[in-house]
Amino acid sequence: MSKAISPAGVARGPADHDVRDQIVAAATEHFSRYGYEKTTVSDLAKAIGFSKAYIYKFFESKQAIGEMICANCLSEIHAEVRTAVDGADRPPEKLRRMFKAVVEASLRLFSEDRKLYEIASSAATERWQVASAHEAHIRQLLQDILREGRETGEFERKTPIDEAVSAIYLVMHPYINPLLLQYSFDHTAEAPAQLSSLVLRSLSP
């Protein structure tokens, strides 16, 4: 399995996790109120009561703070998906539960809070490292499930596994990527089950 998301280069200066957490918490509240794009590091410094220079001791940019916020949210998604997958005994059911859990968690974290959705959209648009790590995490989980299914004889083995993973990821992509998710709201109730069934039929040996 891939490791939990940990954006590279988000912290500078002393390894003071308490101060970084305080900055991230305050930034999350500020972004939720005023929006990510409209907020500057100077705005955050004034709101938190720190100097701009002090914030730069811990984060090299506003994006670095945004990446940490995204990383925290995506880690929640990963934990929920892992719990759902671990609750199934067989690979087909693991795939179904994975798809359903990803969609439900993404909807809750990205659509209920429009300001958080704004940060996630920026991450996807600008290909932040945290967004790439999230994609890699999902792909790795898919690969693990497919490999297990092939070992148990429940999935076909003719298609190269990386090709199968890429194809399934493309099916899931509209419900994972925040830029595309906004166009898929009308189908989120039934899509996971229907698309999972279609994928599983294609995986039959």
Protein backbone atom coordinates (compact mmCIF):
# COMPACT_ATOMS: atom_id res chain seq x y z
CA MET A 1 0.00 0.00 0.00
CA SER A 2 1.12 3.55 -0.62
CA LYS A 3 2.01 5.71 2.35
CA ALA A 4 -0.25 8.36 3.80
CA ILE A 5 -0.09 11.68 2.01
CA SER A 6 2.65 13.92 3.31
CA PRO A 7 3.26 16.90 1.04
CA ALA A 8 6.93 17.46 0.42
CA GLY A 9 8.35 20.81 1.36
CA VAL A 10 5.34 22.17 3.21
CA ALA A 11 7.27 23.02 6.35
CA ARG A 12 10.29 25.22 6.88
CA GLY A 13 12.27 26.24 9.91
CA PRO A 14 11.95 24.51 13.29
CA ALA A 15 10.06 21.23 13.39
CA ASP A 16 7.40 22.69 15.65
CA HIS A 17 4.29 20.70 14.84
CA ASP A 18 2.12 22.61 17.31
CA VAL A 19 2.76 25.92 15.57
CA ARG A 20 2.20 24.41 12.13
CA ASP A 21 -1.05 22.85 13.31
CA GLN A 22 -2.15 26.20 14.72
CA ILE A 23 -1.43 27.91 11.39
CA VAL A 24 -3.26 25.21 9.43
CA ALA A 25 -6.30 25.32 11.72
CA ALA A 26 -6.52 29.10 11.49
CA ALA A 27 -5.98 29.02 7.72
CA THR A 28 -8.72 26.41 7.29
CA GLU A 29 -11.18 28.63 9.14
CA HIS A 30 -10.08 31.72 7.21
CA PHE A 31 -10.28 29.97 3.83
CA SER A 32 -13.75 28.67 4.72
CA ARG A 33 -14.93 32.20 5.42
CA TYR A 34 -13.23 34.19 2.66
CA GLY A 35 -12.10 31.61 0.10
CA TYR A 36 -8.70 30.26 -0.83
CA GLU A 37 -8.10 32.32 -3.96
CA LYS A 38 -9.01 35.63 -2.32
CA THR A 39 -6.82 35.09 0.74
CA THR A 40 -3.15 36.11 0.89
CA VAL A 41 -0.46 35.09 3.36
CA SER A 42 -0.64 38.64 4.71
CA ASP A 43 -4.37 38.16 5.36
CA LEU A 44 -3.64 34.94 7.23
CA ALA A 45 -0.88 36.55 9.28
CA LYS A 46 -3.18 39.36 10.35
CA ALA A 47 -6.01 36.94 11.20
CA ILE A 48 -3.78 34.58 13.17
CA GLY A 49 -1.80 37.29 14.93
CA PHE A 50 1.56 36.17 13.52
CA SER A 51 3.90 38.14 11.32
CA LYS A 52 4.07 37.18 7.65
CA ALA A 53 7.76 36.35 8.08
CA TYR A 54 6.97 34.00 10.96
CA ILE A 55 4.47 32.05 8.87
CA TYR A 56 7.12 31.70 6.17
CA LYS A 57 9.35 29.99 8.72
CA PHE A 58 6.92 27.08 8.66
CA PHE A 59 5.33 27.22 5.19
CA GLU A 60 7.03 28.40 2.04
CA SER A 61 3.81 29.65 0.41
CA LYS A 62 0.03 29.84 0.64
CA GLN A 63 -0.08 26.76 -1.59
CA ALA A 64 1.96 24.84 0.99
CA ILE A 65 -0.69 25.61 3.59
CA GLY A 66 -3.41 24.60 1.14
CA GLU A 67 -1.58 21.35 0.45
CA MET A 68 -1.50 20.54 4.14
CA ILE A 69 -5.23 21.19 4.44
CA CYS A 70 -5.85 18.96 1.41
CA ALA A 71 -3.56 16.29 2.82
CA ASN A 72 -5.54 16.21 6.06
CA CYS A 73 -8.83 15.84 4.20
CA LEU A 74 -7.50 13.21 1.81
CA SER A 75 -6.09 11.22 4.72
CA GLU A 76 -9.63 11.08 6.11
CA ILE A 77 -10.86 9.75 2.77
CA HIS A 78 -8.11 7.13 2.68
CA ALA A 79 -8.94 5.97 6.20
CA GLU A 80 -12.64 5.60 5.34
CA VAL A 81 -11.89 3.74 2.14
CA ARG A 82 -9.46 1.40 3.91
CA THR A 83 -12.06 0.63 6.59
CA ALA A 84 -14.66 -0.12 3.91
CA VAL A 85 -12.30 -2.37 1.94
CA ASP A 86 -11.08 -4.22 5.03
CA GLY A 87 -14.69 -5.00 5.90
CA ALA A 88 -15.06 -7.20 2.80
CA ASP A 89 -13.79 -10.76 2.43
CA ARG A 90 -13.66 -11.12 -1.36
CA PRO A 91 -12.03 -8.90 -4.01
CA PRO A 92 -15.26 -8.16 -5.95
CA GLU A 93 -16.93 -6.82 -2.82
CA LYS A 94 -13.77 -4.90 -1.91
CA LEU A 95 -13.91 -3.16 -5.28
CA ARG A 96 -17.59 -2.29 -4.81
CA ARG A 97 -17.01 -0.93 -1.32
CA MET A 98 -13.95 1.01 -2.43
CA PHE A 99 -15.82 2.83 -5.17
CA LYS A 100 -18.79 3.60 -2.92
CA ALA A 101 -16.61 4.83 -0.05
CA VAL A 102 -14.50 7.09 -2.29
CA VAL A 103 -17.58 8.75 -3.77
CA GLU A 104 -19.35 9.24 -0.43
CA ALA A 105 -16.27 10.63 1.32
CA SER A 106 -15.39 12.92 -1.58
CA LEU A 107 -18.92 14.30 -1.70
CA ARG A 108 -18.97 15.02 2.00
CA LEU A 109 -15.58 16.67 2.21
CA PHE A 110 -15.58 18.49 -1.12
CA SER A 111 -19.18 19.45 -1.81
CA GLU A 112 -20.63 20.30 1.60
CA ASP A 113 -17.90 22.89 2.23
CA ARG A 114 -17.63 24.98 -0.93
CA LYS A 115 -14.50 26.75 0.27
CA LEU A 116 -12.76 23.45 0.89
CA TYR A 117 -13.89 22.40 -2.56
CA GLU A 118 -12.16 25.53 -3.89
CA ILE A 119 -8.84 24.41 -2.40
CA ALA A 120 -9.31 20.89 -3.79
CA SER A 121 -10.07 22.34 -7.22
CA SER A 122 -6.88 24.39 -7.13
CA ALA A 123 -4.95 21.27 -6.16
CA ALA A 124 -6.38 19.35 -9.12
CA THR A 125 -6.01 22.22 -11.62
CA GLU A 126 -2.41 23.02 -10.71
CA ARG A 127 -1.44 19.37 -10.14
CA TRP A 128 -0.21 19.90 -6.60
CA GLN A 129 1.94 17.11 -5.24
CA VAL A 130 -0.81 16.16 -2.77
CA ALA A 131 -3.27 15.63 -5.66
CA SER A 132 -0.81 13.38 -7.49
CA ALA A 133 -0.20 11.43 -4.28
CA HIS A 134 -3.95 10.92 -3.86
CA GLU A 135 -4.24 9.53 -7.38
CA ALA A 136 -1.28 7.22 -6.74
CA HIS A 137 -2.89 6.01 -3.52
CA ILE A 138 -6.16 5.11 -5.26
CA ARG A 139 -4.33 3.40 -8.11
CA GLN A 140 -2.26 1.35 -5.67
CA LEU A 141 -5.36 0.22 -3.80
CA LEU A 142 -6.98 -0.80 -7.09
CA GLN A 143 -3.89 -2.76 -8.04
CA ASP A 144 -3.84 -4.57 -4.70
CA ILE A 145 -7.49 -5.58 -5.10
CA LEU A 146 -6.99 -6.73 -8.69
CA ARG A 147 -3.91 -8.73 -7.78
CA GLU A 148 -5.78 -10.45 -4.96
CA GLY A 149 -8.68 -11.20 -7.28
CA ARG A 150 -6.34 -12.77 -9.82
CA GLU A 151 -4.72 -14.88 -7.14
CA THR A 152 -8.11 -16.19 -5.99
CA GLY A 153 -9.21 -16.83 -9.58
CA GLU A 154 -12.09 -14.34 -9.41
CA PHE A 155 -10.58 -11.89 -11.93
CA GLU A 156 -9.18 -12.49 -15.42
CA ARG A 157 -5.41 -12.52 -15.89
CA LYS A 158 -4.98 -11.79 -19.61
CA THR A 159 -5.05 -7.99 -19.41
CA PRO A 160 -1.82 -6.42 -18.10
CA ILE A 161 -2.58 -5.34 -14.57
CA ASP A 162 -1.39 -1.76 -15.07
CA GLU A 163 -3.72 -1.45 -18.08
CA ALA A 164 -6.65 -2.78 -16.05
CA VAL A 165 -5.89 -0.39 -13.17
CA SER A 166 -5.73 2.59 -15.53
CA ALA A 167 -9.03 1.66 -17.19
CA ILE A 168 -10.85 1.24 -13.87
CA TYR A 169 -9.37 4.48 -12.57
CA LEU A 170 -10.71 6.30 -15.63
CA VAL A 171 -14.18 4.97 -14.80
CA MET A 172 -13.86 6.27 -11.24
CA HIS A 173 -12.15 9.54 -12.16
CA PRO A 174 -15.31 11.68 -12.57
CA TYR A 175 -16.23 10.84 -8.97
CA ILE A 176 -12.74 11.39 -7.52
CA ASN A 177 -11.48 14.52 -9.23
CA PRO A 178 -13.11 17.62 -7.67
CA LEU A 179 -13.13 19.45 -11.02
CA LEU A 180 -15.24 16.68 -12.54
CA LEU A 181 -17.26 15.79 -9.45
CA GLN A 182 -19.36 18.94 -9.78
CA TYR A 183 -20.72 17.59 -13.08
CA SER A 184 -21.48 14.17 -11.62
CA PHE A 185 -23.69 15.11 -8.65
CA ASP A 186 -26.86 13.87 -10.34
CA HIS A 187 -25.44 10.35 -10.65
CA THR A 188 -23.59 9.85 -7.37
CA ALA A 189 -26.42 7.86 -5.78
CA GLU A 190 -26.50 5.08 -8.36
CA ALA A 191 -23.18 5.40 -10.21
CA PRO A 192 -20.90 3.52 -7.78
CA ALA A 193 -23.06 0.39 -7.81
CA GLN A 194 -23.80 0.43 -11.54
CA LEU A 195 -20.25 1.19 -12.65
CA SER A 196 -18.79 -1.31 -10.18
CA SER A 197 -21.03 -4.03 -11.64
CA LEU A 198 -19.93 -3.12 -15.15
CA VAL A 199 -16.26 -3.21 -14.17
CA LEU A 200 -16.65 -6.52 -12.36
CA ARG A 201 -18.29 -8.11 -15.40
CA SER A 202 -15.29 -7.03 -17.46
CA LEU A 203 -12.98 -8.62 -14.89
CA SER A 204 -14.68 -12.02 -14.96
CA PRO A 205 -12.26 -14.83 -15.94
